[in-house]
Amino acid sequence: MDDPVVSTLVTLRDYVRYATSRFTEAKVFLGHGTAAALDEAVALVLAAVHLPFDLPGGYFEGHLTIPERERILGLIERRISERKPLAYLTHEAVFAGLSFYVDERVLVPRSPLAEWIEVGFAPWLDPDVVTDVLDLCTGSGCIAIASALAFPEASVDAVDISQDALAVADINIHRHQVGDQVRTIESDLYKALADQRYDLIVSNPPYVSEAEWLALPAEFHAEPRLGLESGEEGLDCVHRILQGSARHLKPLGVLVVEVGSAAGALIKAYPDIPFFWLDFERGGDGVFLLTADKVRAIFPES
């Protein structure tokens, strides 16, 4: 016990306080699931000792073993020195209340889409009659898997151009035991889907402009650029999703796409499209919904 920190700090609460101070001092960037240094500290400490987020408050006075203290300190130092999102250090992220394995092959799940998946995109869809869902740019598979649980009668195609990303998605499909509902498909958007049609096409595609990507904090540069950057205005991938969606939507289907900071550029590019922008009670913006009839009015099937 040569480290004075290890000998001085003994409880969960001690390490949460210490991590909060270190993160604040080091000015680590937050934006991969937490919004404050305290939240990041709690997430790190609990993950390090394999405890749940809903831990009763009394547990924070519990004493940690020496190996547990050393493990927490190691993660704190790595979070500061490597500037990687915490999820890459713990290999875990939460989306729609579910735990997902993540590593540097995929983006860290953080989309506000979780809120709408949990309610089945009502009133635009009836979860009881949805039978086919497409998740474009699936990454870790979090949207596809959460959709499978929200639409229990649906088959879900989880599409990505990256074999590495699909390998992570397969880990999560196995973890959540939804292999009977979700299949991974290597494809450049719709190219490998033939004429398959869906009740719901949902996507969190790359939508960061090249200039914006270059200016992002180091934590974002730890993520795969393929999942973030998409051309001069951030719309290269979104253009293609829109242009091919009519061919793959059922007559009463809906298209839901997160475009984040590219929302303004999208509206400027398509001034005649009546995008419906979803609201979020838990925070978030930049997600549009279009019904199949609106899509076909602008982008006839090719």
C-alpha atoms as a PDB file:
ATOM      1  CA  MET A   1       0.000   0.000   0.000  1.00  0.00           C
ATOM      2  CA  ASP A   2       2.764   2.430  -0.997  1.00  0.00           C
ATOM      3  CA  ASP A   3       0.416   4.782  -2.869  1.00  0.00           C
ATOM      4  CA  PRO A   4      -0.788   7.420  -0.374  1.00  0.00           C
ATOM      5  CA  VAL A   5      -4.055   7.781  -2.304  1.00  0.00           C
ATOM      6  CA  VAL A   6      -4.792   4.077  -1.917  1.00  0.00           C
ATOM      7  CA  SER A   7      -4.113   4.216   1.809  1.00  0.00           C
ATOM      8  CA  THR A   8      -6.060   7.437   2.392  1.00  0.00           C
ATOM      9  CA  LEU A   9      -9.172   6.904   0.267  1.00  0.00           C
ATOM     10  CA  VAL A  10     -11.138   3.870   1.396  1.00  0.00           C
ATOM     11  CA  THR A  11     -14.838   4.129   0.442  1.00  0.00           C
ATOM     12  CA  LEU A  12     -16.761   4.301  -2.813  1.00  0.00           C
ATOM     13  CA  ARG A  13     -17.709   7.857  -1.916  1.00  0.00           C
ATOM     14  CA  ASP A  14     -14.029   8.766  -1.437  1.00  0.00           C
ATOM     15  CA  TYR A  15     -13.178   7.599  -4.948  1.00  0.00           C
ATOM     16  CA  VAL A  16     -16.177   9.306  -6.534  1.00  0.00           C
ATOM     17  CA  ARG A  17     -15.051  12.588  -4.945  1.00  0.00           C
ATOM     18  CA  TYR A  18     -11.438  12.037  -5.969  1.00  0.00           C
ATOM     19  CA  ALA A  19     -12.314  11.139  -9.572  1.00  0.00           C
ATOM     20  CA  THR A  20     -14.607  14.162  -9.843  1.00  0.00           C
ATOM     21  CA  SER A  21     -11.794  16.460  -8.712  1.00  0.00           C
ATOM     22  CA  ARG A  22      -9.259  14.877 -11.072  1.00  0.00           C
ATOM     23  CA  PHE A  23     -11.577  15.060 -14.094  1.00  0.00           C
ATOM     24  CA  THR A  24     -12.440  18.676 -13.380  1.00  0.00           C
ATOM     25  CA  GLU A  25      -8.798  19.617 -12.945  1.00  0.00           C
ATOM     26  CA  ALA A  26      -7.757  17.811 -16.130  1.00  0.00           C
ATOM     27  CA  LYS A  27     -10.683  19.245 -18.107  1.00  0.00           C
ATOM     28  CA  VAL A  28     -11.592  15.913 -19.650  1.00  0.00           C
ATOM     29  CA  PHE A  29     -14.262  16.292 -22.298  1.00  0.00           C
ATOM     30  CA  LEU A  30     -17.671  14.866 -21.446  1.00  0.00           C
ATOM     31  CA  GLY A  31     -20.224  13.969 -24.069  1.00  0.00           C
ATOM     32  CA  HIS A  32     -20.313  10.190 -24.358  1.00  0.00           C
ATOM     33  CA  GLY A  33     -23.126   9.483 -21.939  1.00  0.00           C
ATOM     34  CA  THR A  34     -22.413  11.863 -19.065  1.00  0.00           C
ATOM     35  CA  ALA A  35     -22.767  15.622 -18.789  1.00  0.00           C
ATOM     36  CA  ALA A  36     -20.820  16.422 -15.607  1.00  0.00           C
ATOM     37  CA  ALA A  37     -17.575  15.337 -13.987  1.00  0.00           C
ATOM     38  CA  LEU A  38     -19.505  13.908 -11.044  1.00  0.00           C
ATOM     39  CA  ASP A  39     -21.609  11.704 -13.337  1.00  0.00           C
ATOM     40  CA  GLU A  40     -18.471  10.501 -15.116  1.00  0.00           C
ATOM     41  CA  ALA A  41     -16.844   9.727 -11.772  1.00  0.00           C
ATOM     42  CA  VAL A  42     -19.831   7.728 -10.526  1.00  0.00           C
ATOM     43  CA  ALA A  43     -19.969   5.778 -13.787  1.00  0.00           C
ATOM     44  CA  LEU A  44     -16.257   4.964 -13.636  1.00  0.00           C
ATOM     45  CA  VAL A  45     -16.198   3.923  -9.989  1.00  0.00           C
ATOM     46  CA  LEU A  46     -19.284   1.711 -10.227  1.00  0.00           C
ATOM     47  CA  ALA A  47     -18.087   0.062 -13.440  1.00  0.00           C
ATOM     48  CA  ALA A  48     -14.678  -0.624 -11.900  1.00  0.00           C
ATOM     49  CA  VAL A  49     -16.205  -2.631  -9.058  1.00  0.00           C
ATOM     50  CA  HIS A  50     -19.035  -4.174 -11.109  1.00  0.00           C
ATOM     51  CA  LEU A  51     -21.883  -2.442  -9.310  1.00  0.00           C
ATOM     52  CA  PRO A  52     -25.165  -1.195 -10.882  1.00  0.00           C
ATOM     53  CA  PHE A  53     -26.086   2.436 -11.483  1.00  0.00           C
ATOM     54  CA  ASP A  54     -29.125   2.162  -9.187  1.00  0.00           C
ATOM     55  CA  LEU A  55     -26.963   1.238  -6.210  1.00  0.00           C
ATOM     56  CA  PRO A  56     -28.593   2.247  -2.867  1.00  0.00           C
ATOM     57  CA  GLY A  57     -26.886   5.272  -1.351  1.00  0.00           C
ATOM     58  CA  GLY A  58     -25.658   3.424   1.731  1.00  0.00           C
ATOM     59  CA  TYR A  59     -23.275   1.343  -0.354  1.00  0.00           C
ATOM     60  CA  PHE A  60     -21.139   4.405  -1.053  1.00  0.00           C
ATOM     61  CA  GLU A  61     -19.851   4.206   2.515  1.00  0.00           C
ATOM     62  CA  GLY A  62     -18.620   0.648   1.932  1.00  0.00           C
ATOM     63  CA  HIS A  63     -14.857   0.091   2.146  1.00  0.00           C
ATOM     64  CA  LEU A  64     -13.040  -1.072  -0.967  1.00  0.00           C
ATOM     65  CA  THR A  65     -10.391  -3.748  -1.130  1.00  0.00           C
ATOM     66  CA  ILE A  66      -6.864  -2.732  -2.113  1.00  0.00           C
ATOM     67  CA  PRO A  67      -7.181  -4.311  -5.598  1.00  0.00           C
ATOM     68  CA  GLU A  68     -10.482  -2.451  -6.125  1.00  0.00           C
ATOM     69  CA  ARG A  69      -8.891   0.856  -5.151  1.00  0.00           C
ATOM     70  CA  GLU A  70      -5.962   0.261  -7.486  1.00  0.00           C
ATOM     71  CA  ARG A  71      -8.291  -0.682 -10.337  1.00  0.00           C
ATOM     72  CA  ILE A  72     -10.290   2.534  -9.904  1.00  0.00           C
ATOM     73  CA  LEU A  73      -7.152   4.663  -9.779  1.00  0.00           C
ATOM     74  CA  GLY A  74      -5.846   2.977 -12.905  1.00  0.00           C
ATOM     75  CA  LEU A  75      -9.023   3.812 -14.811  1.00  0.00           C
ATOM     76  CA  ILE A  76      -8.953   7.400 -13.592  1.00  0.00           C
ATOM     77  CA  GLU A  77      -5.389   7.825 -14.840  1.00  0.00           C
ATOM     78  CA  ARG A  78      -6.174   6.209 -18.193  1.00  0.00           C
ATOM     79  CA  ARG A  79      -9.279   8.364 -18.671  1.00  0.00           C
ATOM     80  CA  ILE A  80      -7.131  11.469 -18.198  1.00  0.00           C
ATOM     81  CA  SER A  81      -3.970  10.444 -20.038  1.00  0.00           C
ATOM     82  CA  GLU A  82      -5.492   8.580 -23.001  1.00  0.00           C
ATOM     83  CA  ARG A  83      -8.494  10.891 -23.484  1.00  0.00           C
ATOM     84  CA  LYS A  84     -10.661   7.976 -24.526  1.00  0.00           C
ATOM     85  CA  PRO A  85     -14.355   7.827 -23.729  1.00  0.00           C
ATOM     86  CA  LEU A  86     -14.950   5.916 -20.518  1.00  0.00           C
ATOM     87  CA  ALA A  87     -16.941   3.250 -22.364  1.00  0.00           C
ATOM     88  CA  TYR A  88     -13.792   2.184 -24.218  1.00  0.00           C
ATOM     89  CA  LEU A  89     -11.995   1.645 -20.912  1.00  0.00           C
ATOM     90  CA  THR A  90     -14.824  -0.315 -19.276  1.00  0.00           C
ATOM     91  CA  HIS A  91     -16.160  -1.879 -22.518  1.00  0.00           C
ATOM     92  CA  GLU A  92     -19.691  -1.032 -21.501  1.00  0.00           C
ATOM     93  CA  ALA A  93     -22.268   1.590 -22.457  1.00  0.00           C
ATOM     94  CA  VAL A  94     -25.955   1.951 -21.641  1.00  0.00           C
ATOM     95  CA  PHE A  95     -28.578   2.637 -24.302  1.00  0.00           C
ATOM     96  CA  ALA A  96     -32.358   2.472 -23.787  1.00  0.00           C
ATOM     97  CA  GLY A  97     -31.711   1.036 -20.344  1.00  0.00           C
ATOM     98  CA  LEU A  98     -29.680  -1.839 -21.802  1.00  0.00           C
ATOM     99  CA  SER A  99     -26.000  -2.652 -21.392  1.00  0.00           C
ATOM    100  CA  PHE A 100     -23.866  -2.977 -24.524  1.00  0.00           C
ATOM    101  CA  TYR A 101     -20.302  -4.109 -25.136  1.00  0.00           C
ATOM    102  CA  VAL A 102     -18.297  -1.431 -26.956  1.00  0.00           C
ATOM    103  CA  ASP A 103     -14.726  -0.892 -28.064  1.00  0.00           C
ATOM    104  CA  GLU A 104     -12.852   1.329 -30.503  1.00  0.00           C
ATOM    105  CA  ARG A 105     -14.447  -0.411 -33.507  1.00  0.00           C
ATOM    106  CA  VAL A 106     -17.765   1.395 -32.922  1.00  0.00           C
ATOM    107  CA  LEU A 107     -19.117   4.712 -31.707  1.00  0.00           C
ATOM    108  CA  VAL A 108     -20.124   4.931 -28.071  1.00  0.00           C
ATOM    109  CA  PRO A 109     -23.956   4.658 -27.946  1.00  0.00           C
ATOM    110  CA  ARG A 110     -25.468   7.995 -26.937  1.00  0.00           C
ATOM    111  CA  SER A 111     -28.265   8.735 -29.398  1.00  0.00           C
ATOM    112  CA  PRO A 112     -31.465  10.342 -28.080  1.00  0.00           C
ATOM    113  CA  LEU A 113     -33.298   7.901 -30.364  1.00  0.00           C
ATOM    114  CA  ALA A 114     -33.471   5.551 -27.382  1.00  0.00           C
ATOM    115  CA  GLU A 115     -36.344   7.585 -25.972  1.00  0.00           C
ATOM    116  CA  TRP A 116     -38.514   7.061 -29.048  1.00  0.00           C
ATOM    117  CA  ILE A 117     -37.559   3.420 -29.536  1.00  0.00           C
ATOM    118  CA  GLU A 118     -38.782   2.721 -25.995  1.00  0.00           C
ATOM    119  CA  VAL A 119     -42.289   3.947 -26.952  1.00  0.00           C
ATOM    120  CA  GLY A 120     -42.281   2.231 -30.338  1.00  0.00           C
ATOM    121  CA  PHE A 121     -42.406   5.512 -32.278  1.00  0.00           C
ATOM    122  CA  ALA A 122     -46.073   5.900 -31.372  1.00  0.00           C
ATOM    123  CA  PRO A 123     -48.310   7.351 -32.720  1.00  0.00           C
ATOM    124  CA  TRP A 124     -46.670   6.874 -36.142  1.00  0.00           C
ATOM    125  CA  LEU A 125     -46.312   3.119 -35.662  1.00  0.00           C
ATOM    126  CA  ASP A 126     -48.290   0.423 -33.886  1.00  0.00           C
ATOM    127  CA  PRO A 127     -45.710  -1.844 -32.204  1.00  0.00           C
ATOM    128  CA  ASP A 128     -48.074  -4.821 -32.482  1.00  0.00           C
ATOM    129  CA  VAL A 129     -48.120  -4.741 -36.294  1.00  0.00           C
ATOM    130  CA  VAL A 130     -44.498  -3.849 -37.055  1.00  0.00           C
ATOM    131  CA  THR A 131     -42.849  -6.870 -38.672  1.00  0.00           C
ATOM    132  CA  ASP A 132     -39.765  -5.469 -40.420  1.00  0.00           C
ATOM    133  CA  VAL A 133     -37.216  -2.947 -39.138  1.00  0.00           C
ATOM    134  CA  LEU A 134     -34.014  -1.694 -40.768  1.00  0.00           C
ATOM    135  CA  ASP A 135     -31.210  -0.100 -38.747  1.00  0.00           C
ATOM    136  CA  LEU A 136     -28.755   1.577 -41.098  1.00  0.00           C
ATOM    137  CA  CYS A 137     -25.211   2.240 -39.831  1.00  0.00           C
ATOM    138  CA  THR A 138     -25.860  -0.044 -36.876  1.00  0.00           C
ATOM    139  CA  GLY A 139     -22.422   0.190 -35.236  1.00  0.00           C
ATOM    140  CA  SER A 140     -22.661  -1.608 -31.892  1.00  0.00           C
ATOM    141  CA  GLY A 141     -26.159  -2.820 -32.764  1.00  0.00           C
ATOM    142  CA  CYS A 142     -27.740  -0.870 -29.915  1.00  0.00           C
ATOM    143  CA  ILE A 143     -30.553   0.631 -32.021  1.00  0.00           C
ATOM    144  CA  ALA A 144     -31.287  -2.669 -33.748  1.00  0.00           C
ATOM    145  CA  ILE A 145     -31.385  -4.619 -30.483  1.00  0.00           C
ATOM    146  CA  ALA A 146     -33.469  -2.026 -28.633  1.00  0.00           C
ATOM    147  CA  SER A 147     -35.850  -2.017 -31.613  1.00  0.00           C
ATOM    148  CA  ALA A 148     -36.150  -5.799 -31.500  1.00  0.00           C
ATOM    149  CA  LEU A 149     -37.204  -5.576 -27.868  1.00  0.00           C
ATOM    150  CA  ALA A 150     -39.636  -2.722 -28.595  1.00  0.00           C
ATOM    151  CA  PHE A 151     -41.169  -4.587 -31.551  1.00  0.00           C
ATOM    152  CA  PRO A 152     -41.295  -8.221 -30.394  1.00  0.00           C
ATOM    153  CA  GLU A 153     -42.929  -9.461 -33.607  1.00  0.00           C
ATOM    154  CA  ALA A 154     -40.388  -7.798 -35.887  1.00  0.00           C
ATOM    155  CA  SER A 155     -37.371  -9.035 -37.775  1.00  0.00           C
ATOM    156  CA  VAL A 156     -34.573  -6.482 -37.640  1.00  0.00           C
ATOM    157  CA  ASP A 157     -31.813  -6.026 -40.198  1.00  0.00           C
ATOM    158  CA  ALA A 158     -28.718  -4.397 -38.695  1.00  0.00           C
ATOM    159  CA  VAL A 159     -26.672  -2.972 -41.575  1.00  0.00           C
ATOM    160  CA  ASP A 160     -23.164  -1.529 -41.564  1.00  0.00           C
ATOM    161  CA  ILE A 161     -20.390  -1.122 -44.104  1.00  0.00           C
ATOM    162  CA  SER A 162     -17.785  -1.996 -41.460  1.00  0.00           C
ATOM    163  CA  GLN A 163     -17.007  -5.649 -40.738  1.00  0.00           C
ATOM    164  CA  ASP A 164     -15.392  -4.556 -37.481  1.00  0.00           C
ATOM    165  CA  ALA A 165     -18.585  -2.833 -36.354  1.00  0.00           C
ATOM    166  CA  LEU A 166     -20.696  -5.856 -37.263  1.00  0.00           C
ATOM    167  CA  ALA A 167     -18.427  -8.063 -35.159  1.00  0.00           C
ATOM    168  CA  VAL A 168     -19.262  -5.881 -32.145  1.00  0.00           C
ATOM    169  CA  ALA A 169     -22.962  -5.918 -33.046  1.00  0.00           C
ATOM    170  CA  ASP A 170     -22.858  -9.717 -33.109  1.00  0.00           C
ATOM    171  CA  ILE A 171     -21.403  -9.730 -29.582  1.00  0.00           C
ATOM    172  CA  ASN A 172     -24.341  -7.645 -28.395  1.00  0.00           C
ATOM    173  CA  ILE A 173     -26.928  -9.686 -30.270  1.00  0.00           C
ATOM    174  CA  HIS A 174     -25.614 -12.752 -28.468  1.00  0.00           C
ATOM    175  CA  ARG A 175     -25.512 -10.901 -25.126  1.00  0.00           C
ATOM    176  CA  HIS A 176     -29.172  -9.906 -25.400  1.00  0.00           C
ATOM    177  CA  GLN A 177     -30.267 -13.228 -26.927  1.00  0.00           C
ATOM    178  CA  VAL A 178     -32.069 -11.671 -29.884  1.00  0.00           C
ATOM    179  CA  GLY A 179     -30.434 -13.718 -32.615  1.00  0.00           C
ATOM    180  CA  ASP A 180     -33.833 -15.015 -33.659  1.00  0.00           C
ATOM    181  CA  GLN A 181     -34.905 -11.439 -34.446  1.00  0.00           C
ATOM    182  CA  VAL A 182     -31.771  -9.524 -35.442  1.00  0.00           C
ATOM    183  CA  ARG A 183     -29.379 -10.327 -38.260  1.00  0.00           C
ATOM    184  CA  THR A 184     -26.296  -8.346 -39.237  1.00  0.00           C
ATOM    185  CA  ILE A 185     -25.712  -7.485 -42.886  1.00  0.00           C
ATOM    186  CA  GLU A 186     -22.544  -6.025 -44.370  1.00  0.00           C
ATOM    187  CA  SER A 187     -23.751  -3.429 -46.838  1.00  0.00           C
ATOM    188  CA  ASP A 188     -23.122   0.094 -48.065  1.00  0.00           C
ATOM    189  CA  LEU A 189     -26.525   1.346 -46.913  1.00  0.00           C
ATOM    190  CA  TYR A 190     -29.223  -0.322 -49.080  1.00  0.00           C
ATOM    191  CA  LYS A 191     -26.953  -2.033 -51.632  1.00  0.00           C
ATOM    192  CA  ALA A 192     -27.230  -5.585 -50.269  1.00  0.00           C
ATOM    193  CA  LEU A 193     -30.957  -5.399 -49.430  1.00  0.00           C
ATOM    194  CA  ALA A 194     -32.452  -6.098 -52.880  1.00  0.00           C
ATOM    195  CA  ASP A 195     -36.146  -5.091 -52.735  1.00  0.00           C
ATOM    196  CA  GLN A 196     -36.730  -5.712 -49.026  1.00  0.00           C
ATOM    197  CA  ARG A 197     -39.248  -3.276 -47.518  1.00  0.00           C
ATOM    198  CA  TYR A 198     -39.626  -2.161 -43.924  1.00  0.00           C
ATOM    199  CA  ASP A 199     -42.201  -0.674 -41.559  1.00  0.00           C
ATOM    200  CA  LEU A 200     -39.413   1.339 -39.942  1.00  0.00           C
ATOM    201  CA  ILE A 201     -36.083   2.516 -41.277  1.00  0.00           C
ATOM    202  CA  VAL A 202     -34.060   4.093 -38.484  1.00  0.00           C
ATOM    203  CA  SER A 203     -30.528   5.424 -38.615  1.00  0.00           C
ATOM    204  CA  ASN A 204     -27.913   7.292 -36.633  1.00  0.00           C
ATOM    205  CA  PRO A 205     -25.513   7.769 -39.551  1.00  0.00           C
ATOM    206  CA  PRO A 206     -22.322   9.819 -39.746  1.00  0.00           C
ATOM    207  CA  TYR A 207     -23.367  13.482 -39.952  1.00  0.00           C
ATOM    208  CA  VAL A 208     -20.349  15.540 -38.832  1.00  0.00           C
ATOM    209  CA  SER A 209     -18.778  17.868 -41.395  1.00  0.00           C
ATOM    210  CA  GLU A 210     -15.079  17.487 -42.161  1.00  0.00           C
ATOM    211  CA  ALA A 211     -14.241  20.848 -40.565  1.00  0.00           C
ATOM    212  CA  GLU A 212     -16.293  20.031 -37.476  1.00  0.00           C
ATOM    213  CA  TRP A 213     -14.616  16.637 -37.117  1.00  0.00           C
ATOM    214  CA  LEU A 214     -11.141  18.175 -37.254  1.00  0.00           C
ATOM    215  CA  ALA A 215     -12.092  20.537 -34.410  1.00  0.00           C
ATOM    216  CA  LEU A 216     -13.594  17.886 -32.129  1.00  0.00           C
ATOM    217  CA  PRO A 217     -11.988  17.062 -28.756  1.00  0.00           C
ATOM    218  CA  ALA A 218      -9.606  14.119 -28.487  1.00  0.00           C
ATOM    219  CA  GLU A 219     -12.306  11.852 -27.034  1.00  0.00           C
ATOM    220  CA  PHE A 220     -14.167  11.953 -30.352  1.00  0.00           C
ATOM    221  CA  HIS A 221     -11.008  11.269 -32.322  1.00  0.00           C
ATOM    222  CA  ALA A 222     -10.715   8.018 -30.371  1.00  0.00           C
ATOM    223  CA  GLU A 223     -13.898   6.889 -32.144  1.00  0.00           C
ATOM    224  CA  PRO A 224     -13.915   5.568 -35.736  1.00  0.00           C
ATOM    225  CA  ARG A 225     -13.975   8.506 -38.147  1.00  0.00           C
ATOM    226  CA  LEU A 226     -16.142   6.430 -40.486  1.00  0.00           C
ATOM    227  CA  GLY A 227     -18.974   6.657 -37.963  1.00  0.00           C
ATOM    228  CA  LEU A 228     -18.761  10.432 -37.515  1.00  0.00           C
ATOM    229  CA  GLU A 229     -17.516  12.396 -40.513  1.00  0.00           C
ATOM    230  CA  SER A 230     -19.561  12.608 -43.701  1.00  0.00           C
ATOM    231  CA  GLY A 231     -18.288  15.180 -46.152  1.00  0.00           C
ATOM    232  CA  GLU A 232     -18.133  18.939 -46.375  1.00  0.00           C
ATOM    233  CA  GLU A 233     -21.551  19.553 -44.800  1.00  0.00           C
ATOM    234  CA  GLY A 234     -21.936  16.266 -42.943  1.00  0.00           C
ATOM    235  CA  LEU A 235     -24.710  15.152 -45.271  1.00  0.00           C
ATOM    236  CA  ASP A 236     -23.050  12.734 -47.713  1.00  0.00           C
ATOM    237  CA  CYS A 237     -24.540   9.673 -46.029  1.00  0.00           C
ATOM    238  CA  VAL A 238     -27.888  11.312 -45.214  1.00  0.00           C
ATOM    239  CA  HIS A 239     -28.426  12.285 -48.867  1.00  0.00           C
ATOM    240  CA  ARG A 240     -28.102   8.647 -49.879  1.00  0.00           C
ATOM    241  CA  ILE A 241     -30.387   7.431 -47.079  1.00  0.00           C
ATOM    242  CA  LEU A 242     -33.112   9.819 -48.238  1.00  0.00           C
ATOM    243  CA  GLN A 243     -32.703   9.062 -51.918  1.00  0.00           C
ATOM    244  CA  GLY A 244     -32.990   5.294 -51.461  1.00  0.00           C
ATOM    245  CA  SER A 245     -35.636   5.174 -48.754  1.00  0.00           C
ATOM    246  CA  ALA A 246     -38.744   5.129 -50.979  1.00  0.00           C
ATOM    247  CA  ARG A 247     -37.725   1.810 -52.484  1.00  0.00           C
ATOM    248  CA  HIS A 248     -37.410   0.189 -49.056  1.00  0.00           C
ATOM    249  CA  LEU A 249     -40.344   1.605 -47.093  1.00  0.00           C
ATOM    250  CA  LYS A 250     -43.698  -0.120 -46.866  1.00  0.00           C
ATOM    251  CA  PRO A 251     -46.721   2.055 -47.788  1.00  0.00           C
ATOM    252  CA  LEU A 252     -47.349   2.971 -44.138  1.00  0.00           C
ATOM    253  CA  GLY A 253     -43.709   2.909 -43.084  1.00  0.00           C
ATOM    254  CA  VAL A 254     -41.666   5.692 -41.520  1.00  0.00           C
ATOM    255  CA  LEU A 255     -38.092   6.888 -41.874  1.00  0.00           C
ATOM    256  CA  VAL A 256     -36.327   8.218 -38.758  1.00  0.00           C
ATOM    257  CA  VAL A 257     -32.816   9.675 -39.042  1.00  0.00           C
ATOM    258  CA  GLU A 258     -30.584  11.497 -36.584  1.00  0.00           C
ATOM    259  CA  VAL A 259     -28.679  14.349 -38.211  1.00  0.00           C
ATOM    260  CA  GLY A 260     -27.629  16.297 -35.122  1.00  0.00           C
ATOM    261  CA  SER A 261     -25.566  19.362 -35.915  1.00  0.00           C
ATOM    262  CA  ALA A 262     -26.243  18.952 -39.664  1.00  0.00           C
ATOM    263  CA  ALA A 263     -29.958  19.754 -39.246  1.00  0.00           C
ATOM    264  CA  GLY A 264     -29.581  23.308 -40.512  1.00  0.00           C
ATOM    265  CA  ALA A 265     -27.659  22.201 -43.586  1.00  0.00           C
ATOM    266  CA  LEU A 266     -30.268  19.517 -44.280  1.00  0.00           C
ATOM    267  CA  ILE A 267     -33.166  21.990 -44.150  1.00  0.00           C
ATOM    268  CA  LYS A 268     -31.262  24.282 -46.493  1.00  0.00           C
ATOM    269  CA  ALA A 269     -30.572  21.403 -48.897  1.00  0.00           C
ATOM    270  CA  TYR A 270     -34.219  20.289 -48.964  1.00  0.00           C
ATOM    271  CA  PRO A 271     -36.399  23.355 -48.346  1.00  0.00           C
ATOM    272  CA  ASP A 272     -39.507  21.632 -49.744  1.00  0.00           C
ATOM    273  CA  ILE A 273     -39.367  18.535 -47.520  1.00  0.00           C
ATOM    274  CA  PRO A 274     -41.714  18.749 -44.499  1.00  0.00           C
ATOM    275  CA  PHE A 275     -39.333  17.233 -41.971  1.00  0.00           C
ATOM    276  CA  PHE A 276     -41.013  16.456 -38.643  1.00  0.00           C
ATOM    277  CA  TRP A 277     -38.472  17.062 -35.881  1.00  0.00           C
ATOM    278  CA  LEU A 278     -38.916  14.824 -32.860  1.00  0.00           C
ATOM    279  CA  ASP A 279     -38.949  16.251 -29.344  1.00  0.00           C
ATOM    280  CA  PHE A 280     -37.101  14.640 -26.444  1.00  0.00           C
ATOM    281  CA  GLU A 281     -38.024  14.777 -22.768  1.00  0.00           C
ATOM    282  CA  ARG A 282     -34.554  13.575 -21.723  1.00  0.00           C
ATOM    283  CA  GLY A 283     -32.607  15.964 -23.946  1.00  0.00           C
ATOM    284  CA  GLY A 284     -31.525  15.817 -27.557  1.00  0.00           C
ATOM    285  CA  ASP A 285     -32.485  17.182 -30.951  1.00  0.00           C
ATOM    286  CA  GLY A 286     -31.694  16.883 -34.634  1.00  0.00           C
ATOM    287  CA  VAL A 287     -33.801  13.781 -35.358  1.00  0.00           C
ATOM    288  CA  PHE A 288     -36.368  13.892 -38.156  1.00  0.00           C
ATOM    289  CA  LEU A 289     -39.252  11.603 -39.087  1.00  0.00           C
ATOM    290  CA  LEU A 290     -40.796  11.256 -42.526  1.00  0.00           C
ATOM    291  CA  THR A 291     -43.734   9.057 -43.484  1.00  0.00           C
ATOM    292  CA  ALA A 292     -43.489   6.892 -46.589  1.00  0.00           C
ATOM    293  CA  ASP A 293     -45.925   9.068 -48.561  1.00  0.00           C
ATOM    294  CA  LYS A 294     -43.839  12.173 -47.867  1.00  0.00           C
ATOM    295  CA  VAL A 295     -40.675  10.345 -48.926  1.00  0.00           C
ATOM    296  CA  ARG A 296     -42.199   9.128 -52.187  1.00  0.00           C
ATOM    297  CA  ALA A 297     -43.482  12.598 -53.034  1.00  0.00           C
ATOM    298  CA  ILE A 298     -39.918  13.895 -53.050  1.00  0.00           C
ATOM    299  CA  PHE A 299     -37.899  10.793 -53.959  1.00  0.00           C
ATOM    300  CA  PRO A 300     -39.819   8.527 -56.366  1.00  0.00           C
ATOM    301  CA  GLU A 301     -38.696   4.914 -56.344  1.00  0.00           C
ATOM    302  CA  SER A 302     -35.729   4.267 -58.602  1.00  0.00           C
END
